[in-house]
Amino acid sequence: MFDRNNNGNNMLPFTNVDSESTSSVKLDEDQYEVYVNGTFIGRKTLKTQGEDLSDIDDFLRNQGFSDFTASVDGDHYTIHANQQDNDISNALSVYFNNR
């Protein structure tokens, strides 16, 4: 039969694995679409565990921008800027092109 040492148990190994469940296993790379005030600017790919979406915020602050908020919704990273939205968009375009 299938397994001579199964003691009458005809179950295959791992039959209790829930194939329908969704797990939070990190894929090789997580990718987010970045928007400033609703306008698509570029994609941020997190290639290593040390990278985070807050790297974008840090970059903007290092460029002198402080009047913005950011939020994550699924694979969208949305930045809301009260002023200087064109300047922030331009800075992020350079940031994404250099990565």
N, C-alpha and C. Protein backbone atom coordinates (compact mmCIF):
# COMPACT_ATOMS: atom_id res chain seq x y z
N MET A 1 0.80 -1.17 0.00
CA MET A 1 0.00 0.00 0.00
C MET A 1 0.87 1.26 0.00
N PHE A 2 0.31 2.41 0.44
CA PHE A 2 1.02 3.69 0.32
C PHE A 2 2.21 3.78 1.27
N ASP A 3 1.99 3.51 2.55
CA ASP A 3 3.06 3.62 3.54
C ASP A 3 3.00 2.40 4.43
N ARG A 4 4.07 1.59 4.42
CA ARG A 4 4.05 0.35 5.20
C ARG A 4 4.03 0.62 6.69
N ASN A 5 4.44 1.79 7.16
CA ASN A 5 4.52 2.07 8.58
C ASN A 5 3.42 3.02 9.05
N ASN A 6 2.29 3.06 8.37
CA ASN A 6 1.27 4.04 8.74
C ASN A 6 0.28 3.52 9.77
N ASN A 7 0.45 2.29 10.21
CA ASN A 7 -0.40 1.70 11.24
C ASN A 7 -1.88 1.85 10.93
N GLY A 8 -2.25 1.65 9.67
CA GLY A 8 -3.65 1.74 9.29
C GLY A 8 -4.12 3.16 9.01
N ASN A 9 -3.27 4.15 9.21
CA ASN A 9 -3.62 5.54 8.96
C ASN A 9 -3.30 5.86 7.51
N ASN A 10 -4.32 6.10 6.71
CA ASN A 10 -4.11 6.36 5.28
C ASN A 10 -4.05 7.86 4.97
N MET A 11 -3.79 8.69 5.98
CA MET A 11 -3.71 10.13 5.75
C MET A 11 -2.33 10.50 5.26
N LEU A 12 -2.28 11.42 4.34
CA LEU A 12 -1.01 11.93 3.86
C LEU A 12 -0.50 12.98 4.85
N PRO A 13 0.80 13.19 4.90
CA PRO A 13 1.31 14.24 5.79
C PRO A 13 0.83 15.62 5.34
N PHE A 14 0.68 16.52 6.28
CA PHE A 14 0.28 17.90 6.05
C PHE A 14 -1.15 18.04 5.53
N THR A 15 -2.01 17.11 5.85
CA THR A 15 -3.38 17.21 5.37
C THR A 15 -4.18 18.23 6.16
N ASN A 16 -3.67 18.70 7.28
CA ASN A 16 -4.39 19.68 8.08
C ASN A 16 -3.96 21.11 7.79
N VAL A 17 -3.20 21.33 6.73
CA VAL A 17 -2.76 22.66 6.36
C VAL A 17 -3.94 23.39 5.74
N ASP A 18 -4.20 24.59 6.22
CA ASP A 18 -5.31 25.40 5.72
C ASP A 18 -4.86 26.15 4.47
N SER A 19 -5.18 25.60 3.32
CA SER A 19 -4.74 26.21 2.07
C SER A 19 -5.54 27.46 1.73
N GLU A 20 -6.64 27.70 2.41
CA GLU A 20 -7.48 28.88 2.16
C GLU A 20 -7.04 30.09 2.98
N SER A 21 -6.19 29.87 3.98
CA SER A 21 -5.83 30.98 4.85
C SER A 21 -4.89 31.94 4.14
N THR A 22 -4.95 33.19 4.54
CA THR A 22 -4.02 34.18 4.02
C THR A 22 -3.02 34.46 5.13
N SER A 23 -1.78 34.38 4.79
CA SER A 23 -0.74 34.62 5.79
C SER A 23 -0.02 35.91 5.46
N SER A 24 0.73 36.39 6.40
CA SER A 24 1.46 37.64 6.21
C SER A 24 2.92 37.37 5.89
N VAL A 25 3.16 36.39 5.05
CA VAL A 25 4.51 36.06 4.65
C VAL A 25 4.99 37.12 3.68
N LYS A 26 6.17 37.68 3.93
CA LYS A 26 6.72 38.72 3.08
C LYS A 26 7.18 38.10 1.77
N LEU A 27 6.75 38.69 0.66
CA LEU A 27 7.23 38.26 -0.63
C LEU A 27 8.66 38.74 -0.81
N ASP A 28 9.29 38.33 -1.90
CA ASP A 28 10.67 38.75 -2.14
C ASP A 28 10.80 40.26 -2.10
N GLU A 29 9.85 40.95 -2.73
CA GLU A 29 9.86 42.41 -2.73
C GLU A 29 8.44 42.91 -2.58
N ASP A 30 8.24 43.87 -1.70
CA ASP A 30 6.94 44.53 -1.58
C ASP A 30 7.02 45.80 -2.40
N GLN A 31 5.96 46.07 -3.17
CA GLN A 31 5.97 47.25 -4.02
C GLN A 31 4.72 48.08 -3.74
N TYR A 32 4.91 49.38 -3.64
CA TYR A 32 3.82 50.31 -3.35
C TYR A 32 3.78 51.40 -4.41
N GLU A 33 2.57 51.77 -4.79
CA GLU A 33 2.37 52.92 -5.68
C GLU A 33 2.27 54.15 -4.80
N VAL A 34 3.02 55.19 -5.16
CA VAL A 34 3.08 56.40 -4.34
C VAL A 34 2.33 57.52 -5.05
N TYR A 35 1.45 58.18 -4.31
CA TYR A 35 0.63 59.27 -4.82
C TYR A 35 0.86 60.51 -3.95
N VAL A 36 0.85 61.67 -4.60
CA VAL A 36 0.87 62.95 -3.88
C VAL A 36 -0.41 63.68 -4.25
N ASN A 37 -1.25 63.93 -3.27
CA ASN A 37 -2.54 64.60 -3.48
C ASN A 37 -3.32 63.97 -4.64
N GLY A 38 -3.31 62.64 -4.69
CA GLY A 38 -4.09 61.90 -5.68
C GLY A 38 -3.41 61.67 -7.01
N THR A 39 -2.23 62.21 -7.22
CA THR A 39 -1.51 62.06 -8.48
C THR A 39 -0.42 61.00 -8.32
N PHE A 40 -0.42 60.01 -9.21
CA PHE A 40 0.59 58.96 -9.17
C PHE A 40 1.96 59.55 -9.47
N ILE A 41 2.95 59.22 -8.61
CA ILE A 41 4.30 59.74 -8.76
C ILE A 41 5.29 58.65 -9.16
N GLY A 42 5.18 57.49 -8.55
CA GLY A 42 6.11 56.41 -8.85
C GLY A 42 5.87 55.22 -7.94
N ARG A 43 6.77 54.25 -8.02
CA ARG A 43 6.67 53.03 -7.22
C ARG A 43 7.86 52.91 -6.29
N LYS A 44 7.57 52.53 -5.07
CA LYS A 44 8.61 52.27 -4.07
C LYS A 44 8.66 50.77 -3.84
N THR A 45 9.80 50.17 -4.10
CA THR A 45 9.98 48.75 -3.89
C THR A 45 10.84 48.55 -2.65
N LEU A 46 10.33 47.76 -1.73
CA LEU A 46 11.08 47.42 -0.51
C LEU A 46 11.81 46.12 -0.78
N LYS A 47 13.11 46.22 -1.02
CA LYS A 47 13.89 45.06 -1.44
C LYS A 47 14.51 44.29 -0.28
N THR A 48 14.73 44.98 0.83
CA THR A 48 15.32 44.31 1.98
C THR A 48 14.44 44.54 3.20
N GLN A 49 14.64 43.75 4.23
CA GLN A 49 13.85 43.90 5.44
C GLN A 49 14.13 45.23 6.13
N GLY A 50 15.26 45.82 5.89
CA GLY A 50 15.61 47.09 6.52
C GLY A 50 14.93 48.29 5.89
N GLU A 51 14.42 48.12 4.68
CA GLU A 51 13.74 49.23 4.00
C GLU A 51 12.31 49.35 4.51
N ASP A 52 11.82 50.58 4.52
CA ASP A 52 10.48 50.84 5.02
C ASP A 52 9.88 52.01 4.25
N LEU A 53 8.58 52.11 4.24
CA LEU A 53 7.94 53.24 3.58
C LEU A 53 8.29 54.57 4.23
N SER A 54 8.64 54.53 5.50
CA SER A 54 9.01 55.77 6.18
C SER A 54 10.30 56.36 5.60
N ASP A 55 11.04 55.58 4.79
CA ASP A 55 12.21 56.11 4.11
C ASP A 55 11.81 57.27 3.20
N ILE A 56 10.62 57.20 2.61
CA ILE A 56 10.13 58.28 1.76
C ILE A 56 9.94 59.54 2.59
N ASP A 57 9.31 59.39 3.75
CA ASP A 57 9.10 60.54 4.64
C ASP A 57 10.42 61.15 5.07
N ASP A 58 11.38 60.29 5.42
CA ASP A 58 12.70 60.77 5.83
C ASP A 58 13.37 61.55 4.70
N PHE A 59 13.26 61.03 3.48
CA PHE A 59 13.82 61.72 2.33
C PHE A 59 13.21 63.11 2.18
N LEU A 60 11.88 63.18 2.27
CA LEU A 60 11.21 64.48 2.12
C LEU A 60 11.63 65.46 3.20
N ARG A 61 11.72 64.98 4.43
CA ARG A 61 12.16 65.87 5.53
C ARG A 61 13.60 66.35 5.31
N ASN A 62 14.46 65.46 4.80
CA ASN A 62 15.84 65.84 4.50
C ASN A 62 15.91 66.87 3.37
N GLN A 63 14.88 66.90 2.53
CA GLN A 63 14.81 67.88 1.45
C GLN A 63 14.16 69.18 1.90
N GLY A 64 13.75 69.25 3.18
CA GLY A 64 13.19 70.48 3.72
C GLY A 64 11.67 70.55 3.74
N PHE A 65 11.01 69.45 3.40
CA PHE A 65 9.54 69.42 3.43
C PHE A 65 9.07 68.91 4.79
N SER A 66 8.08 69.58 5.35
CA SER A 66 7.57 69.13 6.64
C SER A 66 6.05 69.17 6.72
N ASP A 67 5.42 69.89 5.80
CA ASP A 67 3.97 70.07 5.85
C ASP A 67 3.26 69.03 4.99
N PHE A 68 3.35 67.75 5.44
CA PHE A 68 2.69 66.67 4.72
C PHE A 68 2.33 65.55 5.70
N THR A 69 1.37 64.75 5.31
CA THR A 69 1.03 63.53 6.04
C THR A 69 1.03 62.39 5.04
N ALA A 70 1.21 61.18 5.54
CA ALA A 70 1.25 60.02 4.67
C ALA A 70 0.44 58.88 5.28
N SER A 71 -0.14 58.07 4.39
CA SER A 71 -0.92 56.92 4.86
C SER A 71 -0.79 55.78 3.86
N VAL A 72 -1.01 54.57 4.36
CA VAL A 72 -0.95 53.36 3.55
C VAL A 72 -2.35 52.78 3.44
N ASP A 73 -2.73 52.43 2.21
CA ASP A 73 -4.00 51.75 1.97
C ASP A 73 -3.72 50.64 0.96
N GLY A 74 -3.54 49.43 1.47
CA GLY A 74 -3.18 48.32 0.60
C GLY A 74 -1.79 48.53 0.04
N ASP A 75 -1.70 48.59 -1.30
CA ASP A 75 -0.40 48.83 -1.93
C ASP A 75 -0.25 50.27 -2.41
N HIS A 76 -1.06 51.17 -1.85
CA HIS A 76 -0.96 52.59 -2.18
C HIS A 76 -0.40 53.36 -0.98
N TYR A 77 0.59 54.18 -1.25
CA TYR A 77 1.16 55.06 -0.23
C TYR A 77 0.80 56.47 -0.66
N THR A 78 -0.07 57.12 0.10
CA THR A 78 -0.60 58.41 -0.28
C THR A 78 -0.03 59.50 0.61
N ILE A 79 0.52 60.51 -0.03
CA ILE A 79 1.07 61.66 0.68
C ILE A 79 0.14 62.84 0.42
N HIS A 80 -0.30 63.47 1.49
CA HIS A 80 -1.15 64.66 1.40
C HIS A 80 -0.29 65.85 1.80
N ALA A 81 -0.11 66.75 0.85
CA ALA A 81 0.69 67.95 1.09
C ALA A 81 -0.22 69.16 1.05
N ASN A 82 -0.14 69.99 2.07
CA ASN A 82 -0.96 71.19 2.11
C ASN A 82 -0.43 72.26 1.17
N GLN A 83 0.86 72.31 1.02
CA GLN A 83 1.51 73.26 0.12
C GLN A 83 2.67 72.54 -0.55
N GLN A 84 3.21 73.15 -1.56
CA GLN A 84 4.41 72.63 -2.22
C GLN A 84 4.20 71.25 -2.83
N ASP A 85 2.97 70.91 -3.22
CA ASP A 85 2.76 69.56 -3.75
C ASP A 85 3.54 69.32 -5.04
N ASN A 86 3.71 70.35 -5.89
CA ASN A 86 4.53 70.18 -7.10
C ASN A 86 5.99 69.98 -6.75
N ASP A 87 6.47 70.70 -5.73
CA ASP A 87 7.87 70.53 -5.31
C ASP A 87 8.09 69.14 -4.73
N ILE A 88 7.15 68.67 -3.92
CA ILE A 88 7.26 67.32 -3.35
C ILE A 88 7.21 66.28 -4.46
N SER A 89 6.30 66.46 -5.40
CA SER A 89 6.20 65.52 -6.53
C SER A 89 7.49 65.46 -7.32
N ASN A 90 8.08 66.62 -7.59
CA ASN A 90 9.35 66.66 -8.34
C ASN A 90 10.47 66.00 -7.56
N ALA A 91 10.54 66.26 -6.27
CA ALA A 91 11.58 65.64 -5.44
C ALA A 91 11.42 64.12 -5.42
N LEU A 92 10.19 63.65 -5.31
CA LEU A 92 9.96 62.20 -5.29
C LEU A 92 10.25 61.56 -6.64
N SER A 93 9.98 62.27 -7.72
CA SER A 93 10.31 61.74 -9.05
C SER A 93 11.81 61.49 -9.16
N VAL A 94 12.60 62.44 -8.67
CA VAL A 94 14.05 62.27 -8.67
C VAL A 94 14.44 61.10 -7.77
N TYR A 95 13.82 61.04 -6.60
CA TYR A 95 14.09 59.95 -5.63
C TYR A 95 13.84 58.58 -6.27
N PHE A 96 12.71 58.41 -6.95
CA PHE A 96 12.39 57.11 -7.55
C PHE A 96 13.28 56.80 -8.75
N ASN A 97 13.67 57.80 -9.50
CA ASN A 97 14.54 57.57 -10.65
C ASN A 97 15.96 57.21 -10.24
N ASN A 98 16.38 57.66 -9.08
CA ASN A 98 17.73 57.36 -8.59
C ASN A 98 17.82 56.03 -7.85
N ARG A 99 16.71 55.41 -7.55
CA ARG A 99 16.70 54.15 -6.78
C ARG A 99 16.84 52.98 -7.69
